[in-house]
Amino acid sequence: MAMTETRLQRLSPKARPYQAADGGGLYIEVHPTGKKVWRMQYRLGGRGSKKEKVTLGEYPSFTLAQAASGARNAE
C-alpha cells in the first residue's frame, strides 16, 4: 500500500521498532520514542546478493515527496 501523509501521521510508536513499507524498497521505520526514519533497502549485485540499506532522513524534516524522489532516483 502506498504511503500517504495521513498514514504517516497515524503511525504510532510500539514497544519495538517496526517498519511500514511504501514500495520499491522504501520504508519508514518507527521507533519506540516516536522517531520516524526513512530508509531504503536495495541489492547491488542483483537477486543473489546481500541486502543493503541506506538512511534517507528523519520524518517530518525529510518529507514523503523527498523520500519517494530519492527512491526513484536510486533505481
N, C-alpha and C. Protein backbone atom coordinates (compact mmCIF):
# COMPACT_ATOMS: atom_id res chain seq x y z
N MET A 1 0.84 -1.17 0.00
CA MET A 1 0.00 0.00 0.00
C MET A 1 0.89 1.24 0.00
N ALA A 2 0.60 2.18 -0.87
CA ALA A 2 1.40 3.40 -0.97
C ALA A 2 1.23 4.26 0.27
N MET A 3 2.30 4.92 0.65
CA MET A 3 2.30 5.76 1.83
C MET A 3 1.64 7.10 1.52
N THR A 4 0.88 7.63 2.47
CA THR A 4 0.28 8.96 2.37
C THR A 4 0.63 9.74 3.62
N GLU A 5 0.46 11.05 3.58
CA GLU A 5 0.74 11.88 4.76
C GLU A 5 -0.15 11.47 5.94
N THR A 6 -1.40 11.16 5.65
CA THR A 6 -2.33 10.74 6.71
C THR A 6 -1.85 9.45 7.36
N ARG A 7 -1.45 8.48 6.54
CA ARG A 7 -0.96 7.21 7.08
C ARG A 7 0.31 7.43 7.90
N LEU A 8 1.20 8.30 7.43
CA LEU A 8 2.43 8.60 8.16
C LEU A 8 2.14 9.18 9.54
N GLN A 9 1.20 10.10 9.59
CA GLN A 9 0.87 10.75 10.86
C GLN A 9 0.20 9.80 11.84
N ARG A 10 -0.46 8.78 11.32
CA ARG A 10 -1.16 7.82 12.19
C ARG A 10 -0.26 6.70 12.70
N LEU A 11 0.95 6.60 12.21
CA LEU A 11 1.88 5.58 12.70
C LEU A 11 2.30 5.93 14.12
N SER A 12 1.94 5.09 15.05
CA SER A 12 2.25 5.37 16.45
C SER A 12 3.35 4.43 16.96
N PRO A 13 4.11 4.88 17.95
CA PRO A 13 5.19 4.05 18.49
C PRO A 13 4.66 2.79 19.18
N LYS A 14 5.46 1.74 19.10
CA LYS A 14 5.16 0.48 19.78
C LYS A 14 6.36 0.13 20.67
N ALA A 15 6.28 -0.99 21.36
CA ALA A 15 7.34 -1.39 22.28
C ALA A 15 8.66 -1.65 21.55
N ARG A 16 8.60 -2.10 20.30
CA ARG A 16 9.79 -2.37 19.50
C ARG A 16 9.70 -1.60 18.18
N PRO A 17 10.84 -1.28 17.59
CA PRO A 17 10.82 -0.61 16.28
C PRO A 17 10.11 -1.48 15.24
N TYR A 18 9.40 -0.83 14.33
CA TYR A 18 8.76 -1.57 13.24
C TYR A 18 8.82 -0.76 11.96
N GLN A 19 8.50 -1.41 10.85
CA GLN A 19 8.59 -0.79 9.53
C GLN A 19 7.23 -0.74 8.86
N ALA A 20 7.00 0.32 8.09
CA ALA A 20 5.82 0.44 7.25
C ALA A 20 6.33 0.71 5.83
N ALA A 21 6.04 -0.20 4.92
CA ALA A 21 6.57 -0.13 3.56
C ALA A 21 5.79 0.84 2.68
N ASP A 22 6.53 1.46 1.76
CA ASP A 22 5.91 2.31 0.74
C ASP A 22 6.00 1.64 -0.63
N GLY A 23 6.91 0.72 -0.79
CA GLY A 23 7.09 0.02 -2.05
C GLY A 23 8.42 0.36 -2.69
N GLY A 24 8.91 -0.54 -3.52
CA GLY A 24 10.17 -0.32 -4.20
C GLY A 24 11.37 -0.27 -3.28
N GLY A 25 11.26 -0.87 -2.10
CA GLY A 25 12.36 -0.89 -1.15
C GLY A 25 12.34 0.27 -0.16
N LEU A 26 11.46 1.24 -0.37
CA LEU A 26 11.36 2.40 0.52
C LEU A 26 10.43 2.07 1.68
N TYR A 27 10.85 2.41 2.90
CA TYR A 27 10.01 2.20 4.07
C TYR A 27 10.33 3.23 5.13
N ILE A 28 9.42 3.36 6.07
CA ILE A 28 9.66 4.24 7.21
C ILE A 28 9.76 3.35 8.44
N GLU A 29 10.74 3.62 9.27
CA GLU A 29 10.96 2.85 10.49
C GLU A 29 10.49 3.71 11.66
N VAL A 30 9.60 3.15 12.48
CA VAL A 30 9.04 3.86 13.63
C VAL A 30 9.67 3.29 14.89
N HIS A 31 10.29 4.15 15.68
CA HIS A 31 10.97 3.74 16.91
C HIS A 31 10.07 3.92 18.13
N PRO A 32 10.35 3.23 19.23
CA PRO A 32 9.54 3.36 20.45
C PRO A 32 9.45 4.79 20.98
N THR A 33 10.44 5.60 20.66
CA THR A 33 10.44 7.01 21.10
C THR A 33 9.51 7.88 20.27
N GLY A 34 9.01 7.34 19.14
CA GLY A 34 8.15 8.10 18.25
C GLY A 34 8.89 8.64 17.04
N LYS A 35 10.21 8.50 17.04
CA LYS A 35 11.03 8.96 15.92
C LYS A 35 10.72 8.11 14.68
N LYS A 36 10.58 8.78 13.52
CA LYS A 36 10.28 8.11 12.26
C LYS A 36 11.40 8.41 11.27
N VAL A 37 11.99 7.35 10.72
CA VAL A 37 13.16 7.50 9.85
C VAL A 37 12.89 6.81 8.52
N TRP A 38 13.16 7.54 7.42
CA TRP A 38 13.04 6.96 6.08
C TRP A 38 14.28 6.13 5.78
N ARG A 39 14.07 4.91 5.29
CA ARG A 39 15.17 4.04 4.88
C ARG A 39 14.81 3.40 3.54
N MET A 40 15.85 2.97 2.84
CA MET A 40 15.64 2.27 1.58
C MET A 40 16.51 1.03 1.57
N GLN A 41 15.92 -0.08 1.17
CA GLN A 41 16.62 -1.36 1.09
C GLN A 41 16.85 -1.69 -0.39
N TYR A 42 18.03 -2.20 -0.70
CA TYR A 42 18.37 -2.49 -2.08
C TYR A 42 19.40 -3.61 -2.15
N ARG A 43 19.64 -4.10 -3.36
CA ARG A 43 20.67 -5.11 -3.62
C ARG A 43 21.56 -4.57 -4.74
N LEU A 44 22.86 -4.56 -4.52
CA LEU A 44 23.78 -4.04 -5.53
C LEU A 44 24.02 -5.00 -6.68
N GLY A 45 24.16 -6.27 -6.39
CA GLY A 45 24.51 -7.23 -7.43
C GLY A 45 23.37 -8.06 -7.94
N GLY A 46 22.15 -7.66 -7.72
CA GLY A 46 21.02 -8.44 -8.19
C GLY A 46 20.46 -9.36 -7.14
N ARG A 47 19.68 -10.31 -7.57
CA ARG A 47 18.88 -11.15 -6.68
C ARG A 47 19.70 -11.95 -5.66
N GLY A 48 20.82 -12.48 -6.01
CA GLY A 48 21.58 -13.33 -5.11
C GLY A 48 22.49 -12.59 -4.14
N SER A 49 22.56 -11.30 -4.27
CA SER A 49 23.49 -10.54 -3.43
C SER A 49 22.86 -10.14 -2.09
N LYS A 50 23.70 -9.69 -1.20
CA LYS A 50 23.28 -9.29 0.13
C LYS A 50 22.43 -8.01 0.09
N LYS A 51 21.43 -7.96 0.95
CA LYS A 51 20.60 -6.76 1.05
C LYS A 51 21.37 -5.67 1.78
N GLU A 52 21.27 -4.47 1.29
CA GLU A 52 21.86 -3.30 1.92
C GLU A 52 20.75 -2.32 2.23
N LYS A 53 21.00 -1.38 3.15
CA LYS A 53 20.02 -0.34 3.39
C LYS A 53 20.72 0.99 3.64
N VAL A 54 20.02 2.05 3.31
CA VAL A 54 20.55 3.39 3.48
C VAL A 54 19.48 4.23 4.17
N THR A 55 19.92 5.11 5.06
CA THR A 55 19.01 6.02 5.74
C THR A 55 18.90 7.29 4.92
N LEU A 56 17.68 7.69 4.61
CA LEU A 56 17.45 8.88 3.80
C LEU A 56 17.26 10.12 4.65
N GLY A 57 16.55 10.02 5.76
CA GLY A 57 16.33 11.17 6.63
C GLY A 57 15.21 10.91 7.62
N GLU A 58 15.04 11.84 8.53
CA GLU A 58 14.04 11.72 9.58
C GLU A 58 12.78 12.48 9.19
N TYR A 59 11.63 11.81 9.33
CA TYR A 59 10.34 12.44 9.07
C TYR A 59 9.96 13.27 10.29
N PRO A 60 9.44 14.46 10.20
CA PRO A 60 8.91 15.15 9.03
C PRO A 60 9.91 16.08 8.33
N SER A 61 11.14 16.22 8.84
CA SER A 61 12.12 17.07 8.18
C SER A 61 12.39 16.61 6.75
N PHE A 62 12.45 15.30 6.56
CA PHE A 62 12.62 14.70 5.24
C PHE A 62 11.24 14.20 4.84
N THR A 63 10.59 14.87 3.92
CA THR A 63 9.19 14.63 3.60
C THR A 63 8.97 13.37 2.78
N LEU A 64 7.71 12.99 2.67
CA LEU A 64 7.31 11.85 1.85
C LEU A 64 7.72 12.08 0.40
N ALA A 65 7.52 13.28 -0.12
CA ALA A 65 7.89 13.58 -1.51
C ALA A 65 9.39 13.45 -1.72
N GLN A 66 10.20 13.92 -0.77
CA GLN A 66 11.65 13.80 -0.89
C GLN A 66 12.09 12.34 -0.85
N ALA A 67 11.48 11.56 0.04
CA ALA A 67 11.83 10.15 0.15
C ALA A 67 11.47 9.40 -1.12
N ALA A 68 10.28 9.66 -1.66
CA ALA A 68 9.85 8.99 -2.89
C ALA A 68 10.76 9.39 -4.06
N SER A 69 11.13 10.64 -4.12
CA SER A 69 12.01 11.12 -5.18
C SER A 69 13.39 10.47 -5.07
N GLY A 70 13.91 10.38 -3.87
CA GLY A 70 15.21 9.73 -3.65
C GLY A 70 15.19 8.26 -4.03
N ALA A 71 14.09 7.58 -3.72
CA ALA A 71 13.97 6.16 -4.07
C ALA A 71 13.89 5.97 -5.57
N ARG A 72 13.16 6.85 -6.27
CA ARG A 72 13.06 6.75 -7.73
C ARG A 72 14.40 7.00 -8.38
N ASN A 73 15.17 7.97 -7.87
CA ASN A 73 16.47 8.30 -8.44
C ASN A 73 17.49 7.19 -8.20
N ALA A 74 17.30 6.41 -7.17
CA ALA A 74 18.25 5.34 -6.84
C ALA A 74 18.05 4.10 -7.71
N GLU A 75 16.89 3.96 -8.31
CA GLU A 75 16.60 2.75 -9.10
C GLU A 75 17.38 2.67 -10.36
